[in-house]
Amino acid sequence: MTTRTRLTLLRLAPLVPVLLAVQLPLDVLSGAPGALAELHRRAPDVFGFAALATLVAGYAVTPLVTATGARWAVILRRDYGLWTCGFAGTDLLLAAALDPAGWTVAVAGKAGVAAGTLAALMLVPLGLTSNRVAMRVLGRDWKRLHRLVLPVFALVAVHLVLVGSEAVAVVFVVAVTLLRIARVRSVARHLAAWRRLPAGVQR
């Protein structure tokens, strides 16, 4: 498999959970009984899970590139970030549009829901500035802005604990913590040095 093929597959991988649930909007369009209620019930499982997976995957790109030297994968950091924005925004819009209790309850009716809403909104400026033009215009402030991902992680953890699964929350927090440690400069240097060792020495 060529590098280009591998990259294309990885860039499109986030579509998988959406394609598996494509029947939901088709049922709504066809007017199937109970289709809207089913879409409202299952949307968080589809788009929420997809947003969570791409959020962690995007944060994992830098440590993986450091450890493997696969510079071709750097673009996935931006791609997965954009996927996360899209999935989180879609999840939020569907909740606001379909919740029978009203959109205010859907987006801020409980503390855990409000945490998820705030996390989704904080992703918007990150998505809008995920391009070279924004990097040039913002300069050093670009990195400061994109550190918003850290409070986003905290809000997502709160969301998972209060309205999601505590087990998933634990896995999420552990994964993000390990990835954060791997980004520490001294740890990153060790990862890069390990990569340069002969294969026999690594083992």
Protein backbone atom coordinates (compact mmCIF):
# COMPACT_ATOMS: atom_id res chain seq x y z
CA MET A 1 0.00 0.00 0.00
CA THR A 2 1.43 3.37 -1.01
CA THR A 3 1.72 6.28 1.39
CA ARG A 4 -0.88 8.23 -0.59
CA THR A 5 -3.39 5.37 -0.39
CA ARG A 6 -2.74 4.93 3.32
CA LEU A 7 -3.23 8.66 3.90
CA THR A 8 -6.44 8.75 1.88
CA LEU A 9 -7.91 5.85 3.84
CA LEU A 10 -7.00 7.44 7.17
CA ARG A 11 -8.48 10.77 6.10
CA LEU A 12 -11.77 9.12 5.15
CA ALA A 13 -11.91 6.69 8.10
CA PRO A 14 -14.12 9.03 10.21
CA LEU A 15 -16.90 8.53 7.66
CA VAL A 16 -17.36 4.91 8.72
CA PRO A 17 -19.69 5.44 11.72
CA VAL A 18 -21.76 7.92 9.71
CA LEU A 19 -22.14 5.56 6.78
CA LEU A 20 -23.22 2.79 9.15
CA ALA A 21 -26.05 5.04 10.35
CA VAL A 22 -27.07 6.48 6.97
CA GLN A 23 -30.42 4.71 7.21
CA LEU A 24 -31.52 7.06 10.00
CA PRO A 25 -31.81 10.25 7.88
CA LEU A 26 -33.16 8.21 4.96
CA ASP A 27 -36.00 7.00 7.19
CA VAL A 28 -36.72 10.60 8.20
CA LEU A 29 -36.82 11.74 4.55
CA SER A 30 -39.12 8.88 3.63
CA GLY A 31 -41.50 9.76 6.45
CA ALA A 32 -41.15 6.46 8.31
CA PRO A 33 -43.11 6.36 11.59
CA GLY A 34 -40.97 7.25 14.61
CA ALA A 35 -37.97 8.12 12.41
CA LEU A 36 -37.38 11.53 13.99
CA ALA A 37 -37.50 10.11 17.50
CA GLU A 38 -35.08 7.35 16.52
CA LEU A 39 -32.71 9.88 14.95
CA HIS A 40 -32.83 11.97 18.11
CA ARG A 41 -32.15 8.92 20.26
CA ARG A 42 -29.26 7.53 18.22
CA ALA A 43 -27.58 10.72 16.95
CA PRO A 44 -25.39 11.11 20.07
CA ASP A 45 -24.18 7.52 19.64
CA VAL A 46 -23.24 8.19 16.02
CA PHE A 47 -22.00 11.77 15.89
CA GLY A 48 -20.97 12.00 19.54
CA PHE A 49 -18.84 8.87 19.26
CA ALA A 50 -17.37 10.06 15.95
CA ALA A 51 -16.49 13.46 17.46
CA LEU A 52 -14.87 11.78 20.47
CA ALA A 53 -12.84 9.37 18.31
CA THR A 54 -11.56 12.06 15.92
CA LEU A 55 -10.75 14.41 18.82
CA VAL A 56 -8.46 11.82 20.40
CA ALA A 57 -7.08 10.69 17.02
CA GLY A 58 -6.15 14.24 16.08
CA TYR A 59 -4.36 14.75 19.39
CA ALA A 60 -2.49 11.47 18.90
CA VAL A 61 -1.01 12.46 15.55
CA THR A 62 1.92 14.51 16.88
CA PRO A 63 3.20 11.86 19.35
CA LEU A 64 2.81 9.15 16.71
CA VAL A 65 4.76 11.18 14.15
CA THR A 66 7.46 11.81 16.76
CA ALA A 67 7.69 8.10 17.58
CA THR A 68 7.55 6.80 14.01
CA GLY A 69 8.95 9.61 11.88
CA ALA A 70 5.91 9.35 9.55
CA ARG A 71 5.81 13.02 8.58
CA TRP A 72 3.24 12.31 5.89
CA ALA A 73 0.65 11.84 8.64
CA VAL A 74 0.93 15.40 10.01
CA ILE A 75 -1.96 16.58 7.80
CA LEU A 76 -4.25 14.24 9.73
CA ARG A 77 -3.98 16.57 12.71
CA ARG A 78 -5.92 19.23 10.81
CA ASP A 79 -8.24 16.78 9.06
CA TYR A 80 -9.33 15.03 12.24
CA GLY A 81 -9.80 18.40 13.92
CA LEU A 82 -12.17 19.47 11.14
CA TRP A 83 -14.00 16.16 11.34
CA THR A 84 -14.40 16.71 15.09
CA CYS A 85 -15.88 20.18 14.54
CA GLY A 86 -18.28 18.81 11.95
CA PHE A 87 -19.41 15.87 14.04
CA ALA A 88 -19.78 17.88 17.26
CA GLY A 89 -21.66 20.66 15.46
CA THR A 90 -24.00 18.18 13.78
CA ASP A 91 -24.67 16.44 17.09
CA LEU A 92 -25.45 19.78 18.74
CA LEU A 93 -27.74 20.97 15.93
CA LEU A 94 -29.67 17.71 15.84
CA ALA A 95 -30.16 17.79 19.60
CA ALA A 96 -31.41 21.38 19.47
CA ALA A 97 -33.75 20.68 16.54
CA LEU A 98 -35.20 17.35 17.65
CA ASP A 99 -35.49 17.49 21.44
CA PRO A 100 -39.21 17.63 22.30
CA ALA A 101 -38.40 19.65 25.44
CA GLY A 102 -37.04 22.51 23.34
CA TRP A 103 -33.63 23.62 22.14
CA THR A 104 -32.61 25.36 25.38
CA VAL A 105 -33.07 22.14 27.34
CA ALA A 106 -31.29 20.22 24.59
CA VAL A 107 -28.14 22.33 24.73
CA ALA A 108 -28.02 23.53 28.34
CA GLY A 109 -30.73 21.77 30.33
CA LYS A 110 -28.22 19.93 32.53
CA ALA A 111 -24.66 20.58 33.60
CA GLY A 112 -23.31 17.66 31.58
CA VAL A 113 -25.21 18.75 28.47
CA ALA A 114 -24.02 22.34 28.88
CA ALA A 115 -20.41 21.11 29.17
CA GLY A 116 -20.77 19.25 25.88
CA THR A 117 -22.33 22.29 24.21
CA LEU A 118 -19.55 24.58 25.41
CA ALA A 119 -16.92 22.10 24.20
CA ALA A 120 -18.54 22.01 20.75
CA LEU A 121 -18.67 25.82 20.57
CA MET A 122 -15.02 26.12 21.60
CA LEU A 123 -14.08 23.88 18.69
CA VAL A 124 -15.47 26.40 16.19
CA PRO A 125 -12.56 28.92 16.33
CA LEU A 126 -10.11 26.01 16.19
CA GLY A 127 -11.74 24.69 13.03
CA LEU A 128 -11.96 28.12 11.40
CA THR A 129 -8.25 28.76 11.98
CA SER A 130 -7.00 25.33 10.90
CA ASN A 131 -5.31 26.68 7.78
CA ARG A 132 -2.04 28.28 6.75
CA VAL A 133 -3.59 31.72 6.21
CA ALA A 134 -4.77 31.84 9.82
CA MET A 135 -1.37 30.64 11.01
CA ARG A 136 0.35 33.47 9.14
CA VAL A 137 -2.13 36.12 10.31
CA LEU A 138 -2.19 35.04 13.97
CA GLY A 139 1.51 34.23 14.27
CA ARG A 140 2.39 33.15 17.81
CA ASP A 141 -1.20 33.69 18.91
CA TRP A 142 -2.22 30.75 16.71
CA LYS A 143 -0.62 28.28 19.13
CA ARG A 144 -2.16 30.06 22.10
CA LEU A 145 -5.59 29.85 20.48
CA HIS A 146 -5.24 26.15 19.73
CA ARG A 147 -4.41 25.43 23.35
CA LEU A 148 -8.18 25.75 23.79
CA VAL A 149 -8.18 22.04 23.03
CA LEU A 150 -7.08 21.44 26.64
CA PRO A 151 -10.21 22.95 28.25
CA VAL A 152 -12.21 21.19 25.53
CA PHE A 153 -10.80 17.89 26.82
CA ALA A 154 -11.85 18.81 30.36
CA LEU A 155 -15.38 19.73 29.25
CA VAL A 156 -15.72 16.52 27.25
CA ALA A 157 -14.66 14.51 30.31
CA VAL A 158 -17.32 16.27 32.41
CA HIS A 159 -19.89 15.62 29.68
CA LEU A 160 -19.04 11.93 29.57
CA VAL A 161 -19.18 11.50 33.33
CA LEU A 162 -22.51 13.31 33.77
CA VAL A 163 -24.51 12.26 30.72
CA GLY A 164 -22.45 9.56 29.04
CA SER A 165 -20.51 6.56 30.24
CA GLU A 166 -18.14 6.73 33.19
CA ALA A 167 -16.13 3.84 31.70
CA VAL A 168 -15.70 5.76 28.45
CA ALA A 169 -14.79 8.85 30.46
CA VAL A 170 -12.01 6.95 32.24
CA VAL A 171 -10.62 5.59 28.96
CA PHE A 172 -10.81 9.08 27.45
CA VAL A 173 -9.01 10.76 30.37
CA VAL A 174 -6.28 8.09 30.46
CA ALA A 175 -5.72 8.31 26.69
CA VAL A 176 -5.55 12.12 26.69
CA THR A 177 -3.24 12.14 29.72
CA LEU A 178 -0.81 9.71 28.08
CA LEU A 179 -0.86 11.69 24.85
CA ARG A 180 -0.26 14.90 26.78
CA ILE A 181 2.74 13.32 28.53
CA ALA A 182 4.09 12.17 25.17
CA ARG A 183 4.00 15.81 24.02
CA VAL A 184 6.22 17.02 26.87
CA ARG A 185 9.47 18.14 25.29
CA SER A 186 11.75 15.82 27.24
CA VAL A 187 9.50 12.82 26.58
CA ALA A 188 9.24 13.71 22.89
CA ARG A 189 13.04 13.80 22.69
CA HIS A 190 13.21 10.29 24.14
CA LEU A 191 10.60 9.06 21.66
CA ALA A 192 12.56 10.53 18.76
CA ALA A 193 15.82 9.05 20.08
CA TRP A 194 14.17 5.63 20.49
CA ARG A 195 12.99 5.79 16.89
CA ARG A 196 16.53 6.32 15.66
CA LEU A 197 17.92 3.28 17.49
CA PRO A 198 18.53 0.09 15.49
CA ALA A 199 15.58 -2.33 15.57
CA GLY A 200 17.50 -4.91 17.61
CA VAL A 201 18.37 -2.35 20.28
CA GLN A 202 14.72 -1.18 20.53
CA ARG A 203 13.61 -4.68 21.35
